[in-house]
Amino acid sequence: MKSIVLLSGGLDSTVSMAQALREGQVELCLTMDYGQRAAVREIAAASALAAYYKLAHRVIQLPFLGEVTTTSLVNRKETIPEPAEEFLDDPQQATATAAAVWVPNRNGLFINIAACFAEALGCEQVVTGFNREEAATFPDNSFDFLEAINSSLAYSTASGVRVVSYTARLNKAEIVRLGQRLGVPWHLIWSCYYGGQTMCGRCESCRRLCRAMAAAGLEDWIRR
């Protein structure tokens, strides 16, 4: 099985990529730059991971997506939510946090771009990093979304490219444990909404990662 990987450099996409390598061949990793705050750090992380696994890597510039995104993941005038850990699984709080960082049709766009490369390069699948936790508030992170977009790709690609996510049915702690079994180099990932020198530890993405690492017995990684 030959794959195109959508690689943000974060936990989910990295572990999904590692599993894709176990099951087949990765032709290309794609990272999207749409003006997100963490773009520089995400690109650096994805580039380092691709180099670690000896994979081709390409950055796709999507300035228009940043122009039409008004929420805090791109808009520096808006505040990125920093929920306390006890509120991560509160439906009302999580829904509000998701709305504050929503990017219009982001995953739908990314997948269709990756499908273009997959069809052109003779790859059967596009690999994404989704997870069960965030699917509750990010519908484009869900298994239902995967099934729906695969139905669409059956019409829009001549070769029948499909999207798979080896992490979609897992929560973050389960993804970390899978990554441990696959030997993922944790020191190379970037899972923060900000683009600072180190991950902030306060945004939702950091909170979920830290909780998952702790659940997997990797507290030393958190304190690095």
C-alpha atoms as a PDB file:
ATOM      1  CA  MET A   1       0.000   0.000   0.000  1.00  0.00           C
ATOM      2  CA  LYS A   2       1.449   3.350  -1.095  1.00  0.00           C
ATOM      3  CA  SER A   3       0.454   6.458   0.845  1.00  0.00           C
ATOM      4  CA  ILE A   4       0.509  10.232   0.880  1.00  0.00           C
ATOM      5  CA  VAL A   5       0.657  11.435   4.498  1.00  0.00           C
ATOM      6  CA  LEU A   6      -0.837  14.684   5.753  1.00  0.00           C
ATOM      7  CA  LEU A   7       1.810  15.469   8.361  1.00  0.00           C
ATOM      8  CA  SER A   8       1.347  18.436  10.689  1.00  0.00           C
ATOM      9  CA  GLY A   9       4.158  17.317  12.973  1.00  0.00           C
ATOM     10  CA  GLY A  10       1.733  16.675  15.836  1.00  0.00           C
ATOM     11  CA  LEU A  11       0.927  13.550  17.820  1.00  0.00           C
ATOM     12  CA  ASP A  12      -1.890  12.093  15.728  1.00  0.00           C
ATOM     13  CA  SER A  13      -0.441  12.597  12.253  1.00  0.00           C
ATOM     14  CA  THR A  14       2.998  11.359  13.342  1.00  0.00           C
ATOM     15  CA  VAL A  15       1.704   8.139  14.864  1.00  0.00           C
ATOM     16  CA  SER A  16      -0.612   7.548  11.901  1.00  0.00           C
ATOM     17  CA  MET A  17       2.375   8.008   9.582  1.00  0.00           C
ATOM     18  CA  ALA A  18       4.465   5.549  11.608  1.00  0.00           C
ATOM     19  CA  GLN A  19       1.712   2.953  11.303  1.00  0.00           C
ATOM     20  CA  ALA A  20       1.436   3.589   7.556  1.00  0.00           C
ATOM     21  CA  LEU A  21       5.155   2.870   7.257  1.00  0.00           C
ATOM     22  CA  ARG A  22       4.672  -0.416   9.063  1.00  0.00           C
ATOM     23  CA  GLU A  23       1.894  -1.420   6.673  1.00  0.00           C
ATOM     24  CA  GLY A  24       3.309  -0.125   3.395  1.00  0.00           C
ATOM     25  CA  GLN A  25       5.236   2.622   1.642  1.00  0.00           C
ATOM     26  CA  VAL A  26       4.973   6.393   2.115  1.00  0.00           C
ATOM     27  CA  GLU A  27       5.667   8.292  -1.102  1.00  0.00           C
ATOM     28  CA  LEU A  28       5.330  11.829   0.220  1.00  0.00           C
ATOM     29  CA  CYS A  29       4.515  13.819   3.364  1.00  0.00           C
ATOM     30  CA  LEU A  30       2.551  17.056   2.931  1.00  0.00           C
ATOM     31  CA  THR A  31       2.437  19.927   5.424  1.00  0.00           C
ATOM     32  CA  MET A  32       0.053  22.831   4.974  1.00  0.00           C
ATOM     33  CA  ASP A  33       0.957  26.454   5.689  1.00  0.00           C
ATOM     34  CA  TYR A  34      -2.170  28.597   5.873  1.00  0.00           C
ATOM     35  CA  GLY A  35      -0.804  31.295   8.158  1.00  0.00           C
ATOM     36  CA  GLN A  36      -1.511  29.429  11.401  1.00  0.00           C
ATOM     37  CA  ARG A  37       0.377  30.700  14.445  1.00  0.00           C
ATOM     38  CA  ALA A  38       2.406  27.512  14.712  1.00  0.00           C
ATOM     39  CA  ALA A  39       3.194  27.233  10.999  1.00  0.00           C
ATOM     40  CA  VAL A  40       6.960  27.642  11.352  1.00  0.00           C
ATOM     41  CA  ARG A  41       7.170  25.131  14.197  1.00  0.00           C
ATOM     42  CA  GLU A  42       4.826  22.655  12.501  1.00  0.00           C
ATOM     43  CA  ILE A  43       6.818  22.789   9.276  1.00  0.00           C
ATOM     44  CA  ALA A  44      10.081  22.341  11.175  1.00  0.00           C
ATOM     45  CA  ALA A  45       8.672  19.374  13.103  1.00  0.00           C
ATOM     46  CA  ALA A  46       7.227  17.729   9.991  1.00  0.00           C
ATOM     47  CA  SER A  47      10.487  18.276   8.107  1.00  0.00           C
ATOM     48  CA  ALA A  48      12.505  16.745  10.960  1.00  0.00           C
ATOM     49  CA  LEU A  49      10.168  13.766  11.173  1.00  0.00           C
ATOM     50  CA  ALA A  50      10.296  13.201   7.420  1.00  0.00           C
ATOM     51  CA  ALA A  51      14.094  13.325   7.553  1.00  0.00           C
ATOM     52  CA  TYR A  52      14.125  10.914  10.509  1.00  0.00           C
ATOM     53  CA  TYR A  53      12.062   8.394   8.523  1.00  0.00           C
ATOM     54  CA  LYS A  54      13.883   9.222   5.253  1.00  0.00           C
ATOM     55  CA  LEU A  55      10.731  10.396   3.501  1.00  0.00           C
ATOM     56  CA  ALA A  56      10.077  13.069   0.895  1.00  0.00           C
ATOM     57  CA  HIS A  57       8.422  16.174   2.329  1.00  0.00           C
ATOM     58  CA  ARG A  58       6.680  19.121   0.718  1.00  0.00           C
ATOM     59  CA  VAL A  59       5.064  22.257   2.139  1.00  0.00           C
ATOM     60  CA  ILE A  60       1.896  23.548   0.457  1.00  0.00           C
ATOM     61  CA  GLN A  61       1.220  27.267   0.812  1.00  0.00           C
ATOM     62  CA  LEU A  62      -2.458  28.153   1.240  1.00  0.00           C
ATOM     63  CA  PRO A  63      -2.524  31.895   1.996  1.00  0.00           C
ATOM     64  CA  PHE A  64      -6.170  32.262   1.019  1.00  0.00           C
ATOM     65  CA  LEU A  65      -7.214  29.944   3.853  1.00  0.00           C
ATOM     66  CA  GLY A  66      -5.561  32.230   6.353  1.00  0.00           C
ATOM     67  CA  GLU A  67      -7.293  35.210   4.752  1.00  0.00           C
ATOM     68  CA  VAL A  68     -10.759  33.725   5.257  1.00  0.00           C
ATOM     69  CA  THR A  69     -10.110  32.355   8.739  1.00  0.00           C
ATOM     70  CA  THR A  70     -11.260  34.751  11.463  1.00  0.00           C
ATOM     71  CA  THR A  71     -10.673  32.529  14.499  1.00  0.00           C
ATOM     72  CA  SER A  72      -7.708  32.440  16.855  1.00  0.00           C
ATOM     73  CA  LEU A  73      -5.646  29.705  15.219  1.00  0.00           C
ATOM     74  CA  VAL A  74      -4.785  32.279  12.559  1.00  0.00           C
ATOM     75  CA  ASN A  75      -6.125  35.621  13.759  1.00  0.00           C
ATOM     76  CA  ARG A  76      -3.599  37.009  16.256  1.00  0.00           C
ATOM     77  CA  LYS A  77      -6.175  39.494  17.551  1.00  0.00           C
ATOM     78  CA  GLU A  78      -8.276  36.641  18.930  1.00  0.00           C
ATOM     79  CA  THR A  79      -7.364  34.730  22.086  1.00  0.00           C
ATOM     80  CA  ILE A  80      -6.561  31.031  21.893  1.00  0.00           C
ATOM     81  CA  PRO A  81      -8.533  29.233  24.632  1.00  0.00           C
ATOM     82  CA  GLU A  82      -6.484  27.687  27.431  1.00  0.00           C
ATOM     83  CA  PRO A  83      -8.897  25.291  29.148  1.00  0.00           C
ATOM     84  CA  ALA A  84      -8.047  23.663  32.455  1.00  0.00           C
ATOM     85  CA  GLU A  85      -7.521  19.910  32.208  1.00  0.00           C
ATOM     86  CA  GLU A  86     -10.726  19.154  34.133  1.00  0.00           C
ATOM     87  CA  PHE A  87     -12.750  20.873  31.387  1.00  0.00           C
ATOM     88  CA  LEU A  88     -11.246  19.021  28.413  1.00  0.00           C
ATOM     89  CA  ASP A  89     -14.084  16.503  28.350  1.00  0.00           C
ATOM     90  CA  ASP A  90     -16.860  18.923  29.287  1.00  0.00           C
ATOM     91  CA  PRO A  91     -19.082  19.052  26.158  1.00  0.00           C
ATOM     92  CA  GLN A  92     -20.017  22.726  26.482  1.00  0.00           C
ATOM     93  CA  GLN A  93     -16.474  23.898  27.170  1.00  0.00           C
ATOM     94  CA  ALA A  94     -14.972  21.684  24.461  1.00  0.00           C
ATOM     95  CA  THR A  95     -17.506  22.907  21.902  1.00  0.00           C
ATOM     96  CA  ALA A  96     -16.680  26.532  22.672  1.00  0.00           C
ATOM     97  CA  THR A  97     -12.947  25.826  22.444  1.00  0.00           C
ATOM     98  CA  ALA A  98     -13.365  24.075  19.101  1.00  0.00           C
ATOM     99  CA  ALA A  99     -15.347  26.996  17.692  1.00  0.00           C
ATOM    100  CA  ALA A 100     -12.600  29.405  18.767  1.00  0.00           C
ATOM    101  CA  VAL A 101      -9.948  27.598  16.701  1.00  0.00           C
ATOM    102  CA  TRP A 102     -12.070  26.428  13.754  1.00  0.00           C
ATOM    103  CA  VAL A 103     -10.600  26.821  10.257  1.00  0.00           C
ATOM    104  CA  PRO A 104     -13.160  26.720   7.398  1.00  0.00           C
ATOM    105  CA  ASN A 105     -13.246  23.299   5.707  1.00  0.00           C
ATOM    106  CA  ARG A 106      -9.602  22.713   6.666  1.00  0.00           C
ATOM    107  CA  ASN A 107      -9.507  18.925   6.675  1.00  0.00           C
ATOM    108  CA  GLY A 108     -11.765  18.660   3.655  1.00  0.00           C
ATOM    109  CA  LEU A 109      -9.415  20.926   1.716  1.00  0.00           C
ATOM    110  CA  PHE A 110      -6.243  19.202   2.911  1.00  0.00           C
ATOM    111  CA  ILE A 111      -7.531  15.761   2.022  1.00  0.00           C
ATOM    112  CA  ASN A 112      -8.575  16.797  -1.464  1.00  0.00           C
ATOM    113  CA  ILE A 113      -5.162  18.363  -2.100  1.00  0.00           C
ATOM    114  CA  ALA A 114      -3.464  15.207  -0.865  1.00  0.00           C
ATOM    115  CA  ALA A 115      -5.770  13.109  -3.054  1.00  0.00           C
ATOM    116  CA  CYS A 116      -4.477  15.013  -6.103  1.00  0.00           C
ATOM    117  CA  PHE A 117      -0.931  13.977  -5.220  1.00  0.00           C
ATOM    118  CA  ALA A 118      -2.036  10.429  -4.436  1.00  0.00           C
ATOM    119  CA  GLU A 119      -3.692   9.956  -7.813  1.00  0.00           C
ATOM    120  CA  ALA A 120      -0.777  11.558  -9.673  1.00  0.00           C
ATOM    121  CA  LEU A 121       1.839   9.463  -7.854  1.00  0.00           C
ATOM    122  CA  GLY A 122      -0.043   6.183  -8.016  1.00  0.00           C
ATOM    123  CA  CYS A 123      -0.804   6.007  -4.296  1.00  0.00           C
ATOM    124  CA  GLU A 124      -3.844   4.154  -3.047  1.00  0.00           C
ATOM    125  CA  GLN A 125      -4.441   6.170   0.093  1.00  0.00           C
ATOM    126  CA  VAL A 126      -4.130   9.441   1.966  1.00  0.00           C
ATOM    127  CA  VAL A 127      -3.164   9.034   5.613  1.00  0.00           C
ATOM    128  CA  THR A 128      -4.463  11.505   8.190  1.00  0.00           C
ATOM    129  CA  GLY A 129      -4.136  11.835  11.948  1.00  0.00           C
ATOM    130  CA  PHE A 130      -7.564  11.989  13.570  1.00  0.00           C
ATOM    131  CA  ASN A 131      -8.595  10.905  17.070  1.00  0.00           C
ATOM    132  CA  ARG A 132     -11.705   9.872  18.959  1.00  0.00           C
ATOM    133  CA  GLU A 133     -11.408  12.567  21.645  1.00  0.00           C
ATOM    134  CA  GLU A 134     -11.566  15.583  19.392  1.00  0.00           C
ATOM    135  CA  ALA A 135     -14.056  14.000  17.009  1.00  0.00           C
ATOM    136  CA  ALA A 136     -16.703  14.832  19.616  1.00  0.00           C
ATOM    137  CA  THR A 137     -16.323  18.559  18.866  1.00  0.00           C
ATOM    138  CA  PHE A 138     -14.468  18.610  15.532  1.00  0.00           C
ATOM    139  CA  PRO A 139     -16.764  16.769  13.082  1.00  0.00           C
ATOM    140  CA  ASP A 140     -14.015  16.733  10.440  1.00  0.00           C
ATOM    141  CA  ASN A 141     -11.962  14.594  12.824  1.00  0.00           C
ATOM    142  CA  SER A 142     -14.501  11.806  12.992  1.00  0.00           C
ATOM    143  CA  PHE A 143     -14.795   8.349  11.501  1.00  0.00           C
ATOM    144  CA  ASP A 144     -18.124   9.396   9.946  1.00  0.00           C
ATOM    145  CA  PHE A 145     -16.264  12.162   8.105  1.00  0.00           C
ATOM    146  CA  LEU A 146     -13.756   9.642   6.778  1.00  0.00           C
ATOM    147  CA  GLU A 147     -16.543   7.483   5.400  1.00  0.00           C
ATOM    148  CA  ALA A 148     -18.267  10.488   3.828  1.00  0.00           C
ATOM    149  CA  ILE A 149     -15.176  11.892   2.142  1.00  0.00           C
ATOM    150  CA  ASN A 150     -14.237   8.440   0.854  1.00  0.00           C
ATOM    151  CA  SER A 151     -17.625   8.298  -0.828  1.00  0.00           C
ATOM    152  CA  SER A 152     -16.815  11.617  -2.484  1.00  0.00           C
ATOM    153  CA  LEU A 153     -13.317  10.554  -3.557  1.00  0.00           C
ATOM    154  CA  ALA A 154     -14.784   7.507  -5.282  1.00  0.00           C
ATOM    155  CA  TYR A 155     -16.231   9.999  -7.768  1.00  0.00           C
ATOM    156  CA  SER A 156     -13.517  12.673  -7.808  1.00  0.00           C
ATOM    157  CA  THR A 157     -10.479  10.406  -8.323  1.00  0.00           C
ATOM    158  CA  ALA A 158     -10.143   8.050 -11.271  1.00  0.00           C
ATOM    159  CA  SER A 159      -8.092   5.595  -9.242  1.00  0.00           C
ATOM    160  CA  GLY A 160     -10.396   5.471  -6.232  1.00  0.00           C
ATOM    161  CA  VAL A 161      -8.030   7.063  -3.693  1.00  0.00           C
ATOM    162  CA  ARG A 162      -9.144   6.456  -0.114  1.00  0.00           C
ATOM    163  CA  VAL A 163      -8.450   8.223   3.160  1.00  0.00           C
ATOM    164  CA  VAL A 164      -7.388   6.259   6.210  1.00  0.00           C
ATOM    165  CA  SER A 165      -6.511   7.299   9.729  1.00  0.00           C
ATOM    166  CA  TYR A 166      -4.862   4.666  11.895  1.00  0.00           C
ATOM    167  CA  THR A 167      -5.656   6.743  14.968  1.00  0.00           C
ATOM    168  CA  ALA A 168      -9.273   7.749  14.313  1.00  0.00           C
ATOM    169  CA  ARG A 169     -10.786   5.191  16.698  1.00  0.00           C
ATOM    170  CA  LEU A 170      -8.256   5.901  19.476  1.00  0.00           C
ATOM    171  CA  ASN A 171      -8.128   8.488  22.240  1.00  0.00           C
ATOM    172  CA  LYS A 172      -4.930  10.450  22.827  1.00  0.00           C
ATOM    173  CA  ALA A 173      -3.542   8.094  25.489  1.00  0.00           C
ATOM    174  CA  GLU A 174      -4.089   5.120  23.192  1.00  0.00           C
ATOM    175  CA  ILE A 175      -2.345   7.000  20.389  1.00  0.00           C
ATOM    176  CA  VAL A 176       0.659   7.628  22.622  1.00  0.00           C
ATOM    177  CA  ARG A 177       0.825   3.950  23.543  1.00  0.00           C
ATOM    178  CA  LEU A 178       0.663   2.998  19.863  1.00  0.00           C
ATOM    179  CA  GLY A 179       3.428   5.492  19.165  1.00  0.00           C
ATOM    180  CA  GLN A 180       5.526   3.928  21.900  1.00  0.00           C
ATOM    181  CA  ARG A 181       5.174   0.508  20.279  1.00  0.00           C
ATOM    182  CA  LEU A 182       6.133   2.022  16.918  1.00  0.00           C
ATOM    183  CA  GLY A 183       9.168   3.819  18.331  1.00  0.00           C
ATOM    184  CA  VAL A 184       8.010   7.345  17.466  1.00  0.00           C
ATOM    185  CA  PRO A 185      10.694   9.989  18.223  1.00  0.00           C
ATOM    186  CA  TRP A 186       8.653  12.141  20.601  1.00  0.00           C
ATOM    187  CA  HIS A 187      11.328  14.825  20.804  1.00  0.00           C
ATOM    188  CA  LEU A 188      10.604  15.813  17.196  1.00  0.00           C
ATOM    189  CA  ILE A 189       6.838  16.430  17.395  1.00  0.00           C
ATOM    190  CA  TRP A 190       5.048  19.768  17.797  1.00  0.00           C
ATOM    191  CA  SER A 191       1.462  19.746  19.111  1.00  0.00           C
ATOM    192  CA  CYS A 192       0.985  23.336  20.305  1.00  0.00           C
ATOM    193  CA  TYR A 193      -1.351  25.952  18.820  1.00  0.00           C
ATOM    194  CA  TYR A 194       1.335  28.574  19.451  1.00  0.00           C
ATOM    195  CA  GLY A 195       4.653  28.884  17.668  1.00  0.00           C
ATOM    196  CA  GLY A 196       6.972  29.664  20.563  1.00  0.00           C
ATOM    197  CA  GLN A 197      10.351  28.243  21.493  1.00  0.00           C
ATOM    198  CA  THR A 198       8.672  25.465  23.479  1.00  0.00           C
ATOM    199  CA  MET A 199       5.135  24.100  23.583  1.00  0.00           C
ATOM    200  CA  CYS A 200       3.024  26.264  25.887  1.00  0.00           C
ATOM    201  CA  GLY A 201       1.430  23.478  27.923  1.00  0.00           C
ATOM    202  CA  ARG A 202      -1.776  25.523  28.257  1.00  0.00           C
ATOM    203  CA  CYS A 203      -3.702  25.377  24.962  1.00  0.00           C
ATOM    204  CA  GLU A 204      -6.135  22.524  24.375  1.00  0.00           C
ATOM    205  CA  SER A 205      -3.742  20.661  22.097  1.00  0.00           C
ATOM    206  CA  CYS A 206      -0.967  20.798  24.705  1.00  0.00           C
ATOM    207  CA  ARG A 207      -3.328  19.862  27.539  1.00  0.00           C
ATOM    208  CA  ARG A 208      -4.548  16.767  25.698  1.00  0.00           C
ATOM    209  CA  LEU A 209      -1.014  15.747  24.768  1.00  0.00           C
ATOM    210  CA  CYS A 210       0.309  16.183  28.312  1.00  0.00           C
ATOM    211  CA  ARG A 211      -2.610  14.219  29.770  1.00  0.00           C
ATOM    212  CA  ALA A 212      -2.034  11.416  27.270  1.00  0.00           C
ATOM    213  CA  MET A 213       1.706  11.317  27.936  1.00  0.00           C
ATOM    214  CA  ALA A 214       1.085  11.145  31.678  1.00  0.00           C
ATOM    215  CA  ALA A 215      -1.434   8.325  31.217  1.00  0.00           C
ATOM    216  CA  ALA A 216       1.205   6.408  29.264  1.00  0.00           C
ATOM    217  CA  GLY A 217       3.776   6.899  32.042  1.00  0.00           C
ATOM    218  CA  LEU A 218       5.816   9.494  30.167  1.00  0.00           C
ATOM    219  CA  GLU A 219       5.843  12.258  32.791  1.00  0.00           C
ATOM    220  CA  ASP A 220       9.564  12.797  32.179  1.00  0.00           C
ATOM    221  CA  TRP A 221       8.754  13.787  28.600  1.00  0.00           C
ATOM    222  CA  ILE A 222       6.313  16.411  29.893  1.00  0.00           C
ATOM    223  CA  ARG A 223       8.961  17.975  32.143  1.00  0.00           C
ATOM    224  CA  ARG A 224      11.642  18.113  29.463  1.00  0.00           C
END
